[in-house]
N, C-alpha and C. Protein backbone atom coordinates (compact mmCIF):
# COMPACT_ATOMS: atom_id res chain seq x y z
N MET A 1 10.92 13.10 -14.90
CA MET A 1 11.68 12.04 -13.86
C MET A 1 10.78 11.26 -12.19
N PRO A 2 9.73 11.26 -12.30
CA PRO A 2 9.09 10.67 -11.21
C PRO A 2 10.45 10.26 -9.90
N LYS A 3 10.57 10.97 -8.79
CA LYS A 3 11.42 10.59 -7.63
C LYS A 3 10.70 8.97 -7.33
N THR A 4 9.60 8.61 -7.14
CA THR A 4 9.44 7.33 -6.19
C THR A 4 9.35 6.99 -7.78
N THR A 5 10.38 5.86 -8.14
CA THR A 5 9.95 4.77 -8.89
C THR A 5 10.32 3.10 -7.68
N PRO A 6 10.81 2.52 -8.28
CA PRO A 6 11.35 0.94 -7.67
C PRO A 6 13.31 1.32 -7.83
N ASN A 7 13.11 0.43 -6.17
CA ASN A 7 15.17 0.26 -6.60
C ASN A 7 15.29 -0.85 -6.52
N ASP A 8 16.34 -1.37 -5.39
CA ASP A 8 17.04 -2.32 -4.83
C ASP A 8 17.65 -1.79 -3.28
N ALA A 9 16.60 -0.60 -3.26
CA ALA A 9 17.22 -0.93 -1.37
C ALA A 9 16.45 -2.03 -0.63
N SER A 10 16.62 -2.24 0.62
CA SER A 10 16.22 -3.66 0.72
C SER A 10 15.25 -2.95 2.53
N VAL A 11 13.97 -3.56 1.56
CA VAL A 11 12.98 -3.54 2.89
C VAL A 11 13.21 -4.06 3.78
N ALA A 12 13.89 -4.70 4.07
CA ALA A 12 13.69 -4.90 6.29
C ALA A 12 15.05 -4.21 6.62
N ALA A 13 15.48 -3.59 6.02
CA ALA A 13 16.50 -2.38 6.49
C ALA A 13 15.25 -1.55 7.00
N PHE A 14 14.95 -0.70 5.63
CA PHE A 14 13.87 0.71 5.68
C PHE A 14 12.76 0.47 7.62
N VAL A 15 12.40 -0.70 6.93
CA VAL A 15 10.98 -1.51 8.41
C VAL A 15 11.34 -1.84 9.67
N ALA A 16 13.38 -2.23 9.73
CA ALA A 16 14.56 -2.18 10.96
C ALA A 16 14.43 -0.48 11.45
N ALA A 17 14.34 0.08 10.42
CA ALA A 17 14.75 1.92 11.00
C ALA A 17 13.67 2.53 11.47
N VAL A 18 12.59 1.41 11.43
CA VAL A 18 11.23 2.55 11.61
C VAL A 18 11.45 2.79 13.00
N ALA A 19 11.15 4.51 13.39
CA ALA A 19 12.10 4.16 15.39
C ALA A 19 10.97 3.26 15.45
N ASP A 20 9.57 4.08 15.92
CA ASP A 20 8.17 3.40 16.98
C ASP A 20 8.51 1.84 17.08
N PRO A 21 8.54 1.06 18.38
CA PRO A 21 8.39 0.09 18.01
C PRO A 21 7.52 -1.09 17.57
N LYS A 22 5.99 -0.30 18.19
CA LYS A 22 4.71 -0.52 17.82
C LYS A 22 4.48 -0.36 16.49
N ARG A 23 4.88 1.16 15.73
CA ARG A 23 4.33 0.90 14.29
C ARG A 23 5.50 0.04 13.24
N ARG A 24 7.25 -0.19 13.72
CA ARG A 24 7.63 -0.85 12.93
C ARG A 24 7.25 -3.14 13.35
N ALA A 25 6.52 -3.81 14.26
CA ALA A 25 5.94 -4.47 14.37
C ALA A 25 4.43 -3.79 13.22
N ASP A 26 3.87 -3.49 13.11
CA ASP A 26 2.33 -3.30 12.59
C ASP A 26 2.60 -2.86 11.14
N ALA A 27 4.02 -2.05 10.53
CA ALA A 27 4.87 -2.54 9.55
C ALA A 27 5.39 -4.38 8.73
N GLU A 28 5.90 -4.83 9.63
CA GLU A 28 6.20 -5.58 9.82
C GLU A 28 5.10 -6.90 8.82
N THR A 29 3.57 -6.33 9.82
CA THR A 29 2.39 -7.98 9.77
C THR A 29 2.01 -7.21 8.60
N VAL A 30 2.18 -5.82 8.23
CA VAL A 30 1.27 -6.18 7.41
C VAL A 30 1.85 -6.05 5.59
N CYS A 31 3.39 -5.55 5.71
CA CYS A 31 4.20 -6.03 4.63
C CYS A 31 3.83 -7.84 4.51
N ALA A 32 4.13 -8.53 5.60
CA ALA A 32 3.70 -9.85 5.43
C ALA A 32 2.64 -10.45 4.44
N LEU A 33 1.37 -9.62 5.26
CA LEU A 33 -0.05 -9.81 4.37
C LEU A 33 -0.08 -9.70 3.94
N MET A 34 0.49 -8.32 2.88
CA MET A 34 0.56 -8.20 1.48
C MET A 34 1.03 -8.46 0.79
N THR A 35 2.67 -9.61 0.77
CA THR A 35 3.73 -10.40 0.43
C THR A 35 2.35 -12.24 -0.06
N GLU A 36 1.21 -12.37 1.31
CA GLU A 36 0.63 -13.28 1.19
C GLU A 36 -0.37 -13.10 0.19
N ALA A 37 -1.27 -11.93 0.42
CA ALA A 37 -1.75 -10.95 -0.47
C ALA A 37 -1.76 -10.92 -2.02
N THR A 38 -0.63 -10.75 -2.50
CA THR A 38 -0.75 -10.22 -3.20
C THR A 38 0.73 -10.96 -4.39
N GLY A 39 1.20 -12.27 -3.53
CA GLY A 39 2.15 -13.21 -4.06
C GLY A 39 3.22 -12.29 -4.68
N GLU A 40 3.15 -10.76 -4.29
CA GLU A 40 3.99 -10.23 -5.13
C GLU A 40 5.53 -10.41 -3.68
N GLN A 41 6.72 -10.09 -4.44
CA GLN A 41 7.89 -9.41 -2.72
C GLN A 41 7.79 -8.04 -3.14
N PRO A 42 8.21 -7.72 -1.69
CA PRO A 42 7.70 -6.15 -1.34
C PRO A 42 8.91 -5.41 -2.16
N GLN A 43 9.02 -4.32 -2.39
CA GLN A 43 10.06 -3.55 -2.95
C GLN A 43 9.43 -2.13 -2.93
N MET A 44 11.40 -1.71 -2.56
CA MET A 44 11.16 -0.16 -2.63
C MET A 44 10.97 0.77 -3.50
N TRP A 45 9.84 1.50 -3.08
CA TRP A 45 10.12 2.81 -3.91
C TRP A 45 9.84 3.97 -3.76
N GLY A 46 11.18 4.24 -4.12
CA GLY A 46 11.51 6.22 -3.34
C GLY A 46 11.95 5.37 -2.18
N THR A 47 12.01 6.41 -1.01
CA THR A 47 12.50 6.51 -0.04
C THR A 47 11.76 5.86 0.85
N SER A 48 10.40 5.49 1.68
CA SER A 48 10.02 5.40 2.01
C SER A 48 8.67 4.55 1.52
N ILE A 49 8.58 3.47 0.31
CA ILE A 49 7.44 3.33 0.01
C ILE A 49 7.74 1.77 -0.61
N ILE A 50 6.81 0.62 0.37
CA ILE A 50 6.97 -0.51 0.21
C ILE A 50 5.85 -1.00 -0.33
N GLY A 51 6.25 -1.46 -1.80
CA GLY A 51 5.25 -1.62 -2.80
C GLY A 51 4.86 -3.50 -3.65
N PHE A 52 4.26 -3.14 -4.28
CA PHE A 52 3.95 -4.82 -4.68
C PHE A 52 3.50 -4.45 -5.63
N GLY A 53 3.85 -5.05 -7.11
CA GLY A 53 3.41 -5.35 -8.59
C GLY A 53 2.87 -3.52 -8.85
N ARG A 54 2.44 -3.91 -9.49
CA ARG A 54 2.75 -2.30 -10.21
C ARG A 54 1.95 -2.26 -11.38
N TYR A 55 1.41 -0.62 -11.18
CA TYR A 55 0.47 -0.57 -13.45
C TYR A 55 0.77 0.92 -13.29
N HIS A 56 0.57 0.72 -15.07
CA HIS A 56 1.26 2.18 -16.08
C HIS A 56 -0.77 3.36 -15.69
N TYR A 57 -0.01 4.65 -15.47
CA TYR A 57 -1.16 5.12 -15.65
C TYR A 57 -1.05 6.52 -16.74
N ARG A 58 -1.62 6.68 -17.54
CA ARG A 58 -1.07 7.53 -18.72
C ARG A 58 -2.39 8.35 -18.11
N TYR A 59 -1.69 10.32 -18.04
CA TYR A 59 -2.76 11.53 -17.81
C TYR A 59 -3.06 11.65 -19.53
N ALA A 60 -4.56 12.84 -19.51
CA ALA A 60 -4.42 13.40 -20.98
C ALA A 60 -3.54 14.52 -21.16
N SER A 61 -2.42 14.49 -19.87
CA SER A 61 -1.77 15.60 -20.18
C SER A 61 -0.63 15.50 -20.69
N GLY A 62 -0.59 13.66 -20.66
CA GLY A 62 0.60 13.28 -21.32
C GLY A 62 1.63 12.56 -20.48
N GLN A 63 1.82 13.37 -18.97
CA GLN A 63 1.96 12.74 -18.14
C GLN A 63 1.77 10.25 -18.12
N GLU A 64 3.34 10.43 -17.55
CA GLU A 64 2.42 8.82 -17.62
C GLU A 64 4.03 8.28 -16.73
N GLY A 65 3.64 6.76 -15.89
CA GLY A 65 4.28 6.29 -15.34
C GLY A 65 3.71 5.10 -14.87
N ASP A 66 4.59 4.61 -13.56
CA ASP A 66 4.52 3.70 -13.04
C ASP A 66 4.49 3.58 -11.64
N TRP A 67 3.72 2.79 -10.89
CA TRP A 67 2.86 2.81 -9.76
C TRP A 67 3.20 1.67 -8.95
N PRO A 68 3.30 1.51 -7.64
CA PRO A 68 2.83 -0.21 -6.70
C PRO A 68 1.09 -0.33 -7.06
N ALA A 69 0.55 -1.12 -7.57
CA ALA A 69 -0.54 -1.75 -7.35
C ALA A 69 -1.25 -1.50 -5.98
N VAL A 70 -0.82 -2.12 -5.01
CA VAL A 70 -1.09 -1.88 -3.08
C VAL A 70 0.55 -1.38 -3.02
N GLY A 71 0.86 -0.82 -1.72
CA GLY A 71 1.64 -0.52 -1.21
C GLY A 71 1.61 -0.42 0.05
N LEU A 72 2.67 0.76 1.12
CA LEU A 72 2.31 0.92 2.36
C LEU A 72 3.73 1.67 2.88
N SER A 73 3.41 2.50 4.03
CA SER A 73 4.97 3.25 4.17
C SER A 73 4.40 3.72 6.22
N PRO A 74 5.09 3.32 6.50
CA PRO A 74 5.18 3.68 8.59
C PRO A 74 5.28 4.92 8.58
N ARG A 75 4.65 5.42 8.24
CA ARG A 75 4.04 6.93 8.76
C ARG A 75 4.01 7.05 10.01
N LYS A 76 4.68 8.23 10.29
CA LYS A 76 4.88 8.66 12.27
C LYS A 76 3.32 8.36 12.54
N GLN A 77 2.89 9.64 11.56
CA GLN A 77 0.92 9.73 12.63
C GLN A 77 0.31 8.36 12.25
N ALA A 78 0.55 7.90 11.05
CA ALA A 78 -0.09 6.14 10.69
C ALA A 78 0.44 5.19 10.26
N LEU A 79 -0.18 4.21 9.47
CA LEU A 79 0.98 3.52 8.92
C LEU A 79 -0.23 3.40 7.49
N THR A 80 0.30 3.57 6.88
CA THR A 80 -0.01 3.80 5.34
C THR A 80 0.13 3.15 4.10
N LEU A 81 -1.33 2.68 4.01
CA LEU A 81 -1.65 1.58 3.06
C LEU A 81 -1.65 2.53 1.51
N TYR A 82 -1.74 1.86 -0.10
CA TYR A 82 -1.66 3.00 -0.69
C TYR A 82 -2.29 2.09 -1.52
N VAL A 83 -3.52 1.98 -1.81
CA VAL A 83 -4.55 1.39 -2.88
C VAL A 83 -4.78 2.09 -3.97
N SER A 84 -4.48 2.09 -4.91
CA SER A 84 -4.40 3.03 -6.23
C SER A 84 -5.87 2.67 -7.02
N ALA A 85 -6.35 1.86 -6.79
CA ALA A 85 -7.30 1.47 -7.24
C ALA A 85 -8.79 2.70 -6.32
N GLY A 86 -8.16 3.47 -5.87
CA GLY A 86 -8.84 4.20 -4.81
C GLY A 86 -10.59 3.13 -4.08
N PHE A 87 -11.52 4.02 -2.81
CA PHE A 87 -12.05 2.50 -1.95
C PHE A 87 -13.83 2.95 -2.60
N ALA A 88 -13.80 3.17 -3.63
CA ALA A 88 -15.64 2.91 -4.22
C ALA A 88 -16.09 1.63 -4.16
N GLU A 89 -14.91 1.44 -4.56
CA GLU A 89 -16.07 -0.09 -4.85
C GLU A 89 -15.31 -1.42 -3.14
N TYR A 90 -15.02 -0.78 -2.36
CA TYR A 90 -14.73 -0.95 -1.73
C TYR A 90 -15.90 -0.86 0.26
N ASP A 91 -16.64 -0.62 0.02
CA ASP A 91 -17.45 0.36 1.41
C ASP A 91 -18.17 -1.38 1.80
N ASP A 92 -18.75 -1.95 2.07
CA ASP A 92 -18.71 -3.23 2.82
C ASP A 92 -16.92 -3.74 3.27
N LEU A 93 -15.73 -3.95 2.61
CA LEU A 93 -14.40 -4.37 3.45
C LEU A 93 -13.96 -3.02 4.31
N LEU A 94 -14.65 -1.82 3.62
CA LEU A 94 -14.32 -0.39 4.68
C LEU A 94 -14.97 -0.57 5.81
N ALA A 95 -16.41 -1.22 5.88
CA ALA A 95 -17.15 -1.13 7.18
C ALA A 95 -16.91 -2.37 7.87
N ARG A 96 -16.16 -3.34 7.92
CA ARG A 96 -15.38 -4.23 8.92
C ARG A 96 -14.63 -4.28 8.99
N LEU A 97 -13.83 -2.55 8.43
CA LEU A 97 -12.23 -2.58 8.92
C LEU A 97 -11.88 -2.48 10.70
N GLY A 98 -12.24 -1.35 11.29
CA GLY A 98 -12.41 -0.96 12.29
C GLY A 98 -12.24 0.26 11.65
N PRO A 99 -11.72 1.18 12.00
CA PRO A 99 -10.41 3.07 13.16
C PRO A 99 -9.60 3.10 11.65
N HIS A 100 -9.97 3.62 10.94
CA HIS A 100 -9.41 3.76 10.30
C HIS A 100 -9.96 5.61 9.61
N SER A 101 -9.29 5.77 7.87
CA SER A 101 -9.47 7.23 6.94
C SER A 101 -8.75 6.92 6.69
N THR A 102 -9.16 7.99 5.43
CA THR A 102 -9.08 7.43 3.92
C THR A 102 -8.38 8.47 3.16
N GLY A 103 -8.43 8.45 2.44
CA GLY A 103 -7.65 10.01 1.39
C GLY A 103 -7.79 9.57 -0.08
N LYS A 104 -7.71 9.82 -1.17
CA LYS A 104 -7.88 9.15 -2.25
C LYS A 104 -7.70 7.84 -2.55
N SER A 105 -6.37 7.17 -2.18
CA SER A 105 -6.19 6.25 -2.64
C SER A 105 -5.11 5.78 -1.20
N CYS A 106 -5.02 6.87 -0.20
CA CYS A 106 -4.79 6.23 1.11
C CYS A 106 -5.11 5.83 2.34
N LEU A 107 -4.78 4.67 2.65
CA LEU A 107 -6.00 4.36 4.12
C LEU A 107 -4.91 4.53 5.43
N TYR A 108 -5.72 4.99 5.90
CA TYR A 108 -4.57 5.40 7.25
C TYR A 108 -5.22 4.75 8.64
N LEU A 109 -4.31 4.10 9.36
CA LEU A 109 -4.31 2.93 10.14
C LEU A 109 -3.56 3.52 11.47
N LYS A 110 -4.32 4.00 12.70
CA LYS A 110 -3.05 3.95 13.71
C LYS A 110 -2.97 3.07 14.50
N ARG A 111 -3.59 1.90 14.68
CA ARG A 111 -3.34 0.82 15.24
C ARG A 111 -3.85 -0.07 14.82
N LEU A 112 -2.75 -1.79 14.70
CA LEU A 112 -3.15 -2.37 14.01
C LEU A 112 -3.83 -3.19 14.70
N THR A 113 -3.92 -3.23 15.99
CA THR A 113 -4.26 -4.33 16.98
C THR A 113 -6.10 -3.97 17.27
N ASP A 114 -6.33 -2.48 16.00
CA ASP A 114 -8.23 -2.72 15.98
C ASP A 114 -8.98 -2.75 15.25
N ILE A 115 -8.00 -3.67 14.03
CA ILE A 115 -8.41 -3.19 12.54
C ILE A 115 -8.96 -5.28 12.76
N ASP A 116 -9.76 -5.12 11.57
CA ASP A 116 -10.09 -7.00 11.25
C ASP A 116 -9.05 -7.01 10.76
N GLU A 117 -8.39 -7.86 10.24
CA GLU A 117 -7.07 -8.28 9.15
C GLU A 117 -7.87 -9.12 8.42
N GLN A 118 -8.60 -9.94 8.05
CA GLN A 118 -9.01 -10.59 7.22
C GLN A 118 -9.86 -9.07 6.67
N ALA A 119 -10.29 -8.40 6.82
CA ALA A 119 -11.36 -7.14 5.80
C ALA A 119 -10.02 -6.76 5.34
N LEU A 120 -8.87 -6.26 5.82
CA LEU A 120 -7.87 -5.72 5.20
C LEU A 120 -6.90 -6.66 4.13
N ARG A 121 -7.13 -7.99 4.85
CA ARG A 121 -6.13 -8.79 3.31
C ARG A 121 -7.15 -9.14 2.09
N GLU A 122 -8.82 -9.11 2.48
CA GLU A 122 -9.44 -8.75 1.12
C GLU A 122 -9.52 -7.51 0.75
N LEU A 123 -9.40 -6.71 1.51
CA LEU A 123 -9.57 -5.41 0.87
C LEU A 123 -7.61 -5.43 -0.38
N VAL A 124 -6.53 -5.86 0.69
CA VAL A 124 -5.65 -5.55 -0.43
C VAL A 124 -4.97 -6.64 -1.42
N THR A 125 -6.25 -8.05 -1.62
CA THR A 125 -6.09 -8.60 -2.67
C THR A 125 -6.67 -8.16 -3.76
N ALA A 126 -8.26 -7.67 -3.57
CA ALA A 126 -9.28 -7.39 -4.53
C ALA A 126 -8.33 -5.94 -5.42
N ALA A 127 -8.07 -5.07 -3.90
CA ALA A 127 -7.35 -3.82 -4.64
C ALA A 127 -6.19 -4.20 -5.91
N PHE A 128 -5.27 -5.51 -4.89
CA PHE A 128 -3.71 -5.48 -5.34
C PHE A 128 -4.60 -5.88 -7.75
N HIS A 129 -5.03 -6.77 -6.86
CA HIS A 129 -6.30 -7.05 -8.68
C HIS A 129 -6.51 -6.68 -9.45
N HIS A 130 -6.92 -5.74 -8.99
CA HIS A 130 -8.09 -4.18 -10.02
C HIS A 130 -6.89 -3.93 -10.45
N LEU A 131 -5.74 -3.55 -10.47
CA LEU A 131 -4.64 -3.19 -10.96
C LEU A 131 -3.77 -3.23 -11.87
N HIS A 132 -3.11 -4.85 -10.87
CA HIS A 132 -1.23 -5.24 -11.41
C HIS A 132 -1.62 -5.42 -13.21
N GLY A 133 -0.72 -5.37 -13.29
CA GLY A 133 -0.39 -5.02 -14.94
C GLY A 133 -1.19 -4.06 -15.89
N ARG A 134 -1.83 -3.26 -15.47
CA ARG A 134 -2.73 -2.70 -16.49
C ARG A 134 -2.35 -1.82 -16.73
N THR A 135 -2.74 -0.92 -17.53
CA THR A 135 -2.51 0.18 -17.33
C THR A 135 -4.02 1.48 -17.74
N LEU A 136 -3.29 2.60 -17.42
CA LEU A 136 -5.19 3.01 -16.76
C LEU A 136 -5.47 4.63 -17.09
N THR A 137 -5.79 5.48 -18.26
CA THR A 137 -5.68 6.57 -18.79
C THR A 137 -6.59 7.29 -17.98
N ALA A 138 -5.65 8.37 -17.87
CA ALA A 138 -7.28 9.30 -16.68
C ALA A 138 -6.98 10.83 -17.67
């Protein structure tokens, strides 16, 4: 059973507890942006991820579960956005975004003030619509 599942914990309380004031403000801004871009209300997944929407995954191994279509976590090192669709289709948006780094399905932002917010909004919207409500088999 995965630990990172949706729950009724307070998103506002989680964000308010972020120690660094700049990271907390960035998290509030991105949470509002993601709410608007997805049309979904934020929900805590596990203890540290704010998720928007969901999709179901099923691996060849038989493992399956649900995960947010898009999400965020105000980590100490960077604001981390979970873009489960990956970034293969989004080179143009990433080029416009500003300073960032990526993992397989994570986007790391050091400072929101350096980011093109419109490019971020477009990326979140596209990634959300790519996955929300779908089942992926890998």
